[in-house]
C-alpha atoms as a PDB file:
ATOM      1  CA  UNK A   1       1.268 153.819 -65.400  1.00  0.00           C
ATOM      2  CA  UNK A   2      -1.199 151.224 -64.112  1.00  0.00           C
ATOM      3  CA  UNK A   3      -4.749 151.832 -65.324  1.00  0.00           C
ATOM      4  CA  UNK A   4      -7.695 152.355 -62.997  1.00  0.00           C
ATOM      5  CA  UNK A   5      -9.314 149.188 -64.434  1.00  0.00           C
ATOM      6  CA  UNK A   6      -6.204 147.118 -63.631  1.00  0.00           C
ATOM      7  CA  UNK A   7      -6.128 148.475 -60.059  1.00  0.00           C
ATOM      8  CA  UNK A   8      -9.814 147.635 -59.639  1.00  0.00           C
ATOM      9  CA  UNK A   9      -9.274 144.081 -60.910  1.00  0.00           C
ATOM     10  CA  UNK A  10      -6.306 143.655 -58.543  1.00  0.00           C
ATOM     11  CA  UNK A  11      -8.372 144.728 -55.530  1.00  0.00           C
ATOM     12  CA  UNK A  12     -11.414 142.631 -56.522  1.00  0.00           C
ATOM     13  CA  UNK A  13      -9.361 139.400 -56.616  1.00  0.00           C
ATOM     14  CA  UNK A  14      -7.595 140.183 -53.355  1.00  0.00           C
ATOM     15  CA  UNK A  15      -4.210 141.174 -54.730  1.00  0.00           C
ATOM     16  CA  UNK A  16      -3.258 137.710 -55.948  1.00  0.00           C
ATOM     17  CA  UNK A  17      -1.186 138.747 -58.974  1.00  0.00           C
ATOM     18  CA  UNK A  18       1.413 141.320 -59.989  1.00  0.00           C
ATOM     19  CA  UNK A  19      -0.327 144.565 -60.763  1.00  0.00           C
ATOM     20  CA  UNK A  20       2.198 145.196 -63.560  1.00  0.00           C
ATOM     21  CA  UNK A  21       2.922 141.928 -65.387  1.00  0.00           C
ATOM     22  CA  UNK A  22       0.039 139.772 -64.117  1.00  0.00           C
ATOM     23  CA  UNK A  23       2.361 137.068 -62.769  1.00  0.00           C
ATOM     24  CA  UNK A  24       1.691 135.161 -59.590  1.00  0.00           C
ATOM     25  CA  UNK A  25       5.251 135.162 -58.271  1.00  0.00           C
ATOM     26  CA  UNK A  26       4.663 137.913 -55.696  1.00  0.00           C
ATOM     27  CA  UNK A  27       5.561 138.287 -52.048  1.00  0.00           C
ATOM     28  CA  UNK A  28       4.054 140.577 -49.423  1.00  0.00           C
ATOM     29  CA  UNK A  29       5.868 141.985 -46.410  1.00  0.00           C
ATOM     30  CA  UNK A  30       4.655 142.912 -42.944  1.00  0.00           C
ATOM     31  CA  UNK A  31       1.574 145.064 -42.588  1.00  0.00           C
ATOM     32  CA  UNK A  32       2.621 148.446 -41.231  1.00  0.00           C
ATOM     33  CA  UNK A  33       0.424 151.188 -39.854  1.00  0.00           C
ATOM     34  CA  UNK A  34       0.468 154.760 -38.714  1.00  0.00           C
ATOM     35  CA  UNK A  35      -2.586 156.487 -37.334  1.00  0.00           C
ATOM     36  CA  UNK A  36      -5.604 155.395 -39.315  1.00  0.00           C
ATOM     37  CA  UNK A  37      -3.634 154.048 -42.282  1.00  0.00           C
ATOM     38  CA  UNK A  38      -2.230 150.553 -42.880  1.00  0.00           C
ATOM     39  CA  UNK A  39      -0.223 149.270 -45.828  1.00  0.00           C
ATOM     40  CA  UNK A  40       1.764 146.225 -46.893  1.00  0.00           C
ATOM     41  CA  UNK A  41       4.743 146.287 -49.254  1.00  0.00           C
ATOM     42  CA  UNK A  42       4.457 143.813 -52.150  1.00  0.00           C
ATOM     43  CA  UNK A  43       6.988 142.855 -54.795  1.00  0.00           C
ATOM     44  CA  UNK A  44       6.935 140.767 -57.964  1.00  0.00           C
ATOM     45  CA  UNK A  45       9.845 138.380 -58.543  1.00  0.00           C
ATOM     46  CA  UNK A  46       9.024 138.072 -62.252  1.00  0.00           C
ATOM     47  CA  UNK A  47       9.258 141.722 -63.359  1.00  0.00           C
ATOM     48  CA  UNK A  48      10.729 143.450 -60.292  1.00  0.00           C
ATOM     49  CA  UNK A  49       7.759 145.780 -59.656  1.00  0.00           C
ATOM     50  CA  UNK A  50       7.098 146.989 -56.101  1.00  0.00           C
ATOM     51  CA  UNK A  51       3.972 148.599 -54.642  1.00  0.00           C
ATOM     52  CA  UNK A  52       1.988 148.961 -51.414  1.00  0.00           C
ATOM     53  CA  UNK A  53      -1.362 147.327 -50.745  1.00  0.00           C
ATOM     54  CA  UNK A  54      -3.501 149.726 -48.671  1.00  0.00           C
ATOM     55  CA  UNK A  55      -5.980 148.516 -46.043  1.00  0.00           C
ATOM     56  CA  UNK A  56      -9.150 149.963 -44.534  1.00  0.00           C
ATOM     57  CA  UNK A  57     -10.919 148.931 -41.322  1.00  0.00           C
ATOM     58  CA  UNK A  58     -14.283 147.473 -42.343  1.00  0.00           C
ATOM     59  CA  UNK A  59     -15.565 146.041 -39.080  1.00  0.00           C
ATOM     60  CA  UNK A  60     -14.893 144.309 -35.766  1.00  0.00           C
ATOM     61  CA  UNK A  61     -15.420 140.627 -34.996  1.00  0.00           C
ATOM     62  CA  UNK A  62     -14.880 138.062 -32.216  1.00  0.00           C
ATOM     63  CA  UNK A  63     -14.954 140.535 -29.336  1.00  0.00           C
ATOM     64  CA  UNK A  64     -14.071 139.062 -25.935  1.00  0.00           C
ATOM     65  CA  UNK A  65     -14.756 141.215 -22.894  1.00  0.00           C
ATOM     66  CA  UNK A  66     -13.041 140.606 -19.541  1.00  0.00           C
ATOM     67  CA  UNK A  67     -15.288 138.633 -17.176  1.00  0.00           C
ATOM     68  CA  UNK A  68     -13.860 139.898 -13.894  1.00  0.00           C
ATOM     69  CA  UNK A  69     -14.108 143.645 -14.437  1.00  0.00           C
ATOM     70  CA  UNK A  70     -16.060 144.605 -17.559  1.00  0.00           C
ATOM     71  CA  UNK A  71     -16.040 148.253 -18.497  1.00  0.00           C
ATOM     72  CA  UNK A  72     -19.606 149.519 -18.537  1.00  0.00           C
ATOM     73  CA  UNK A  73     -20.190 152.731 -20.498  1.00  0.00           C
ATOM     74  CA  UNK A  74     -21.433 155.486 -18.238  1.00  0.00           C
ATOM     75  CA  UNK A  75     -24.222 157.812 -19.229  1.00  0.00           C
ATOM     76  CA  UNK A  76     -23.812 161.321 -17.919  1.00  0.00           C
ATOM     77  CA  UNK A  77     -26.708 163.711 -17.687  1.00  0.00           C
ATOM     78  CA  UNK A  78     -27.738 166.380 -15.214  1.00  0.00           C
ATOM     79  CA  UNK A  79     -30.274 164.219 -13.367  1.00  0.00           C
ATOM     80  CA  UNK A  80     -27.834 161.365 -12.707  1.00  0.00           C
ATOM     81  CA  UNK A  81     -25.087 163.773 -11.667  1.00  0.00           C
ATOM     82  CA  UNK A  82     -27.451 165.514  -9.218  1.00  0.00           C
ATOM     83  CA  UNK A  83     -28.544 162.162  -7.730  1.00  0.00           C
ATOM     84  CA  UNK A  84     -24.923 161.153  -7.133  1.00  0.00           C
ATOM     85  CA  UNK A  85     -24.297 164.180  -4.916  1.00  0.00           C
ATOM     86  CA  UNK A  86     -26.838 164.576  -2.050  1.00  0.00           C
END
Protein backbone atom coordinates (compact mmCIF):
# COMPACT_ATOMS: atom_id res chain seq x y z
CA UNK A 1 0.00 0.00 0.00
CA UNK A 2 1.24 3.49 -0.88
CA UNK A 3 1.40 5.80 2.13
CA UNK A 4 -0.49 9.08 2.36
CA UNK A 5 2.87 10.92 2.61
CA UNK A 6 4.11 9.31 -0.62
CA UNK A 7 0.87 10.25 -2.42
CA UNK A 8 1.21 13.83 -1.18
CA UNK A 9 4.82 14.04 -2.38
CA UNK A 10 3.80 12.64 -5.78
CA UNK A 11 1.08 15.27 -6.22
CA UNK A 12 3.28 18.15 -4.98
CA UNK A 13 5.97 17.45 -7.62
CA UNK A 14 3.42 17.03 -10.40
CA UNK A 15 3.53 13.26 -10.75
CA UNK A 16 7.05 13.11 -12.16
CA UNK A 17 8.10 9.76 -10.66
CA UNK A 18 6.72 6.28 -10.05
CA UNK A 19 4.55 6.35 -6.97
CA UNK A 20 5.79 2.85 -6.08
CA UNK A 21 9.52 2.58 -6.85
CA UNK A 22 10.41 6.27 -7.27
CA UNK A 23 11.80 5.76 -10.78
CA UNK A 24 11.39 8.27 -13.56
CA UNK A 25 10.68 5.79 -16.35
CA UNK A 26 6.92 6.43 -16.42
CA UNK A 27 4.45 7.04 -19.20
CA UNK A 28 1.00 8.63 -19.05
CA UNK A 29 -1.90 7.85 -21.37
CA UNK A 30 -4.75 9.99 -22.63
CA UNK A 31 -6.75 12.03 -20.17
CA UNK A 32 -10.24 10.57 -19.95
CA UNK A 33 -13.31 12.08 -18.36
CA UNK A 34 -16.85 11.32 -17.37
CA UNK A 35 -19.13 13.90 -15.83
CA UNK A 36 -17.13 16.01 -13.43
CA UNK A 37 -14.22 13.57 -13.11
CA UNK A 38 -11.04 13.30 -15.20
CA UNK A 39 -8.20 10.82 -14.89
CA UNK A 40 -5.08 9.72 -16.74
CA UNK A 41 -3.64 6.20 -16.67
CA UNK A 42 0.07 6.08 -15.78
CA UNK A 43 2.49 3.17 -15.78
CA UNK A 44 6.06 2.61 -14.64
CA UNK A 45 8.38 0.70 -16.98
CA UNK A 46 10.85 -0.02 -14.16
CA UNK A 47 8.61 -1.89 -11.69
CA UNK A 48 5.41 -2.46 -13.70
CA UNK A 49 3.10 -0.46 -11.40
CA UNK A 50 -0.02 1.16 -12.88
CA UNK A 51 -2.25 3.87 -11.41
CA UNK A 52 -4.53 6.76 -12.39
CA UNK A 53 -3.71 10.42 -11.90
CA UNK A 54 -6.92 12.28 -10.98
CA UNK A 55 -7.60 15.87 -12.07
CA UNK A 56 -9.74 18.69 -10.70
CA UNK A 57 -10.89 21.86 -12.48
CA UNK A 58 -9.19 24.78 -10.74
CA UNK A 59 -10.04 27.69 -13.01
CA UNK A 60 -10.64 29.06 -16.50
CA UNK A 61 -8.18 31.05 -18.60
CA UNK A 62 -7.80 32.59 -22.07
CA UNK A 63 -11.51 33.01 -22.76
CA UNK A 64 -12.36 34.15 -26.30
CA UNK A 65 -15.93 35.26 -26.94
CA UNK A 66 -17.42 35.38 -30.44
CA UNK A 67 -17.32 38.92 -31.86
CA UNK A 68 -20.28 38.63 -34.23
CA UNK A 69 -22.94 37.37 -31.85
CA UNK A 70 -21.87 37.42 -28.20
CA UNK A 71 -24.22 35.80 -25.74
CA UNK A 72 -25.29 38.38 -23.19
CA UNK A 73 -26.68 37.00 -19.93
CA UNK A 74 -30.27 38.06 -19.43
CA UNK A 75 -31.59 39.24 -16.11
CA UNK A 76 -35.17 38.26 -15.47
CA UNK A 77 -37.29 40.01 -12.89
CA UNK A 78 -40.93 41.00 -12.70
CA UNK A 79 -40.38 44.64 -13.71
CA UNK A 80 -38.44 43.79 -16.88
CA UNK A 81 -40.92 41.08 -17.84
CA UNK A 82 -43.84 43.51 -17.39
CA UNK A 83 -42.09 46.17 -19.51
CA UNK A 84 -41.56 43.68 -22.34
CA UNK A 85 -45.30 43.05 -22.67
CA UNK A 86 -47.40 46.25 -23.09
